[in-house]
Amino acid sequence: MGFREFTTVGGLMSYGTSLSNAYHQAGVNAARILKGEKPADLPVMQPTKFELVINLKTVRALGFTMPAGVLAIADEVIE
């Protein structure tokens, strides 16, 4: 999955950017435009933080085993 929200509702695992951070940045840019800045003058933003989220309930339901090393580097493990 590309977003953690899919993993929290039953997906196996996800690695991607945070949607909440992207929505926050969109709000910041909208505020800057409403204050008079030109959209063309706003910088192009790229994500800098990526999250690895694993859903252990789904891992067990599929009969998989997740290596301990992968669980150790995960940003979040959903029980």
N, C-alpha and C. Protein backbone atom coordinates (compact mmCIF):
# COMPACT_ATOMS: atom_id res chain seq x y z
N MET A 1 0.84 -1.18 0.00
CA MET A 1 0.00 0.00 0.00
C MET A 1 0.89 1.24 0.00
N GLY A 2 0.37 2.32 -0.52
CA GLY A 2 1.13 3.55 -0.59
C GLY A 2 0.97 4.47 0.60
N PHE A 3 -0.09 4.26 1.39
CA PHE A 3 -0.36 5.16 2.50
C PHE A 3 -0.72 4.36 3.74
N ARG A 4 -0.35 4.88 4.91
CA ARG A 4 -0.59 4.18 6.18
C ARG A 4 -2.07 3.98 6.46
N GLU A 5 -2.91 4.87 5.93
CA GLU A 5 -4.35 4.76 6.17
C GLU A 5 -4.91 3.43 5.65
N PHE A 6 -4.36 2.92 4.56
CA PHE A 6 -4.81 1.63 4.03
C PHE A 6 -4.41 0.48 4.95
N THR A 7 -3.24 0.60 5.55
CA THR A 7 -2.77 -0.45 6.45
C THR A 7 -3.56 -0.45 7.75
N THR A 8 -3.97 0.71 8.22
CA THR A 8 -4.72 0.75 9.48
C THR A 8 -6.10 0.11 9.34
N VAL A 9 -6.62 0.01 8.13
CA VAL A 9 -7.94 -0.61 7.94
C VAL A 9 -7.84 -2.03 7.39
N GLY A 10 -6.62 -2.63 7.45
CA GLY A 10 -6.52 -4.04 7.09
C GLY A 10 -5.48 -4.40 6.07
N GLY A 11 -4.82 -3.42 5.46
CA GLY A 11 -3.76 -3.74 4.50
C GLY A 11 -2.57 -4.39 5.19
N LEU A 12 -1.79 -5.13 4.45
CA LEU A 12 -0.66 -5.85 5.02
C LEU A 12 0.43 -4.89 5.51
N MET A 13 0.91 -4.04 4.64
CA MET A 13 1.94 -3.09 5.03
C MET A 13 1.96 -1.94 4.04
N SER A 14 2.54 -0.83 4.47
CA SER A 14 2.63 0.33 3.59
C SER A 14 3.97 1.01 3.79
N TYR A 15 4.43 1.63 2.72
CA TYR A 15 5.63 2.45 2.79
C TYR A 15 5.38 3.65 1.90
N GLY A 16 5.33 4.79 2.50
CA GLY A 16 5.06 5.98 1.71
C GLY A 16 5.05 7.23 2.57
N THR A 17 4.63 8.30 1.95
CA THR A 17 4.59 9.58 2.64
C THR A 17 3.35 9.67 3.53
N SER A 18 3.35 10.65 4.39
CA SER A 18 2.24 10.88 5.29
C SER A 18 1.20 11.78 4.61
N LEU A 19 -0.01 11.29 4.48
CA LEU A 19 -1.07 12.11 3.88
C LEU A 19 -1.39 13.32 4.75
N SER A 20 -1.34 13.15 6.06
CA SER A 20 -1.65 14.29 6.94
C SER A 20 -0.63 15.42 6.76
N ASN A 21 0.63 15.07 6.55
CA ASN A 21 1.63 16.10 6.29
C ASN A 21 1.38 16.79 4.95
N ALA A 22 0.98 16.02 3.94
CA ALA A 22 0.69 16.60 2.63
C ALA A 22 -0.51 17.54 2.70
N TYR A 23 -1.55 17.15 3.44
CA TYR A 23 -2.72 18.02 3.59
C TYR A 23 -2.35 19.30 4.35
N HIS A 24 -1.49 19.16 5.35
CA HIS A 24 -1.04 20.33 6.11
C HIS A 24 -0.31 21.30 5.18
N GLN A 25 0.59 20.77 4.35
CA GLN A 25 1.34 21.63 3.45
C GLN A 25 0.41 22.29 2.43
N ALA A 26 -0.61 21.59 1.98
CA ALA A 26 -1.57 22.17 1.05
C ALA A 26 -2.29 23.35 1.71
N GLY A 27 -2.63 23.19 2.98
CA GLY A 27 -3.26 24.30 3.72
C GLY A 27 -2.34 25.49 3.88
N VAL A 28 -1.07 25.23 4.15
CA VAL A 28 -0.08 26.31 4.27
C VAL A 28 0.02 27.06 2.94
N ASN A 29 0.09 26.30 1.84
CA ASN A 29 0.18 26.95 0.52
C ASN A 29 -1.09 27.74 0.20
N ALA A 30 -2.25 27.20 0.55
CA ALA A 30 -3.50 27.92 0.30
C ALA A 30 -3.52 29.23 1.08
N ALA A 31 -3.05 29.20 2.32
CA ALA A 31 -3.00 30.42 3.13
C ALA A 31 -2.06 31.45 2.52
N ARG A 32 -0.93 30.99 2.00
CA ARG A 32 0.01 31.92 1.37
C ARG A 32 -0.60 32.57 0.13
N ILE A 33 -1.36 31.79 -0.63
CA ILE A 33 -2.03 32.34 -1.83
C ILE A 33 -3.10 33.34 -1.42
N LEU A 34 -3.87 33.01 -0.38
CA LEU A 34 -4.92 33.93 0.08
C LEU A 34 -4.33 35.23 0.63
N LYS A 35 -3.10 35.18 1.09
CA LYS A 35 -2.44 36.39 1.60
C LYS A 35 -1.79 37.21 0.47
N GLY A 36 -1.90 36.72 -0.78
CA GLY A 36 -1.44 37.52 -1.91
C GLY A 36 -0.26 36.98 -2.70
N GLU A 37 0.35 35.89 -2.25
CA GLU A 37 1.46 35.34 -3.03
C GLU A 37 0.94 34.70 -4.31
N LYS A 38 1.74 34.75 -5.34
CA LYS A 38 1.38 34.12 -6.60
C LYS A 38 1.70 32.63 -6.52
N PRO A 39 0.80 31.77 -7.00
CA PRO A 39 1.07 30.33 -6.96
C PRO A 39 2.38 29.95 -7.65
N ALA A 40 2.73 30.66 -8.72
CA ALA A 40 3.97 30.35 -9.45
C ALA A 40 5.21 30.64 -8.62
N ASP A 41 5.07 31.47 -7.58
CA ASP A 41 6.21 31.82 -6.74
C ASP A 41 6.41 30.85 -5.58
N LEU A 42 5.47 29.96 -5.36
CA LEU A 42 5.59 29.00 -4.26
C LEU A 42 6.58 27.89 -4.64
N PRO A 43 7.38 27.44 -3.70
CA PRO A 43 8.36 26.39 -4.03
C PRO A 43 7.67 25.04 -4.24
N VAL A 44 8.28 24.22 -5.05
CA VAL A 44 7.82 22.85 -5.23
C VAL A 44 8.34 22.04 -4.05
N MET A 45 7.43 21.39 -3.35
CA MET A 45 7.81 20.64 -2.15
C MET A 45 7.85 19.14 -2.48
N GLN A 46 8.86 18.47 -1.96
CA GLN A 46 8.95 17.02 -2.09
C GLN A 46 8.93 16.42 -0.70
N PRO A 47 8.32 15.26 -0.55
CA PRO A 47 8.29 14.64 0.78
C PRO A 47 9.70 14.28 1.23
N THR A 48 9.91 14.43 2.53
CA THR A 48 11.21 14.08 3.10
C THR A 48 11.09 12.96 4.14
N LYS A 49 9.87 12.66 4.55
CA LYS A 49 9.67 11.61 5.55
C LYS A 49 8.79 10.51 4.94
N PHE A 50 9.25 9.28 5.09
CA PHE A 50 8.50 8.12 4.62
C PHE A 50 8.29 7.19 5.81
N GLU A 51 7.12 6.54 5.84
CA GLU A 51 6.76 5.69 6.98
C GLU A 51 6.58 4.25 6.52
N LEU A 52 7.10 3.31 7.29
CA LEU A 52 6.85 1.89 7.09
C LEU A 52 5.90 1.45 8.19
N VAL A 53 4.71 0.99 7.80
CA VAL A 53 3.69 0.56 8.76
C VAL A 53 3.32 -0.88 8.42
N ILE A 54 3.27 -1.74 9.44
CA ILE A 54 2.96 -3.16 9.26
C ILE A 54 1.77 -3.51 10.14
N ASN A 55 0.82 -4.23 9.56
CA ASN A 55 -0.36 -4.68 10.29
C ASN A 55 -0.18 -6.16 10.63
N LEU A 56 0.17 -6.45 11.90
CA LEU A 56 0.42 -7.83 12.31
C LEU A 56 -0.83 -8.70 12.28
N LYS A 57 -1.99 -8.10 12.48
CA LYS A 57 -3.24 -8.86 12.41
C LYS A 57 -3.41 -9.45 11.01
N THR A 58 -3.11 -8.66 9.99
CA THR A 58 -3.22 -9.13 8.61
C THR A 58 -2.12 -10.14 8.30
N VAL A 59 -0.92 -9.91 8.84
CA VAL A 59 0.18 -10.86 8.65
C VAL A 59 -0.24 -12.24 9.14
N ARG A 60 -0.82 -12.29 10.35
CA ARG A 60 -1.26 -13.57 10.93
C ARG A 60 -2.42 -14.17 10.14
N ALA A 61 -3.36 -13.34 9.71
CA ALA A 61 -4.53 -13.84 8.97
C ALA A 61 -4.11 -14.48 7.64
N LEU A 62 -3.05 -13.98 7.03
CA LEU A 62 -2.57 -14.54 5.77
C LEU A 62 -1.62 -15.71 5.99
N GLY A 63 -1.27 -15.98 7.24
CA GLY A 63 -0.37 -17.08 7.55
C GLY A 63 1.09 -16.77 7.27
N PHE A 64 1.43 -15.51 7.18
CA PHE A 64 2.81 -15.10 6.93
C PHE A 64 3.56 -14.96 8.25
N THR A 65 4.87 -14.93 8.16
CA THR A 65 5.71 -14.53 9.28
C THR A 65 6.53 -13.34 8.82
N MET A 66 6.58 -12.35 9.65
CA MET A 66 7.31 -11.13 9.32
C MET A 66 8.67 -11.21 10.01
N PRO A 67 9.76 -11.08 9.27
CA PRO A 67 11.09 -11.15 9.88
C PRO A 67 11.27 -10.08 10.98
N ALA A 68 11.95 -10.46 12.03
CA ALA A 68 12.16 -9.55 13.15
C ALA A 68 12.89 -8.28 12.73
N GLY A 69 13.79 -8.39 11.78
CA GLY A 69 14.52 -7.22 11.30
C GLY A 69 13.60 -6.20 10.65
N VAL A 70 12.59 -6.68 9.92
CA VAL A 70 11.63 -5.77 9.28
C VAL A 70 10.76 -5.10 10.34
N LEU A 71 10.35 -5.87 11.34
CA LEU A 71 9.55 -5.30 12.42
C LEU A 71 10.34 -4.27 13.21
N ALA A 72 11.65 -4.48 13.32
CA ALA A 72 12.49 -3.56 14.09
C ALA A 72 12.63 -2.21 13.41
N ILE A 73 12.62 -2.19 12.08
CA ILE A 73 12.80 -0.91 11.38
C ILE A 73 11.49 -0.22 11.05
N ALA A 74 10.35 -0.88 11.34
CA ALA A 74 9.05 -0.29 11.04
C ALA A 74 8.81 0.94 11.93
N ASP A 75 8.20 1.96 11.33
CA ASP A 75 7.84 3.15 12.11
C ASP A 75 6.66 2.86 13.03
N GLU A 76 5.78 1.97 12.57
CA GLU A 76 4.62 1.59 13.40
C GLU A 76 4.25 0.15 13.09
N VAL A 77 3.93 -0.60 14.15
CA VAL A 77 3.45 -1.97 14.00
C VAL A 77 2.07 -2.02 14.65
N ILE A 78 1.07 -2.35 13.85
CA ILE A 78 -0.31 -2.42 14.34
C ILE A 78 -0.56 -3.84 14.82
N GLU A 79 -0.96 -3.99 16.07
CA GLU A 79 -1.19 -5.32 16.65
C GLU A 79 -2.53 -5.87 16.25
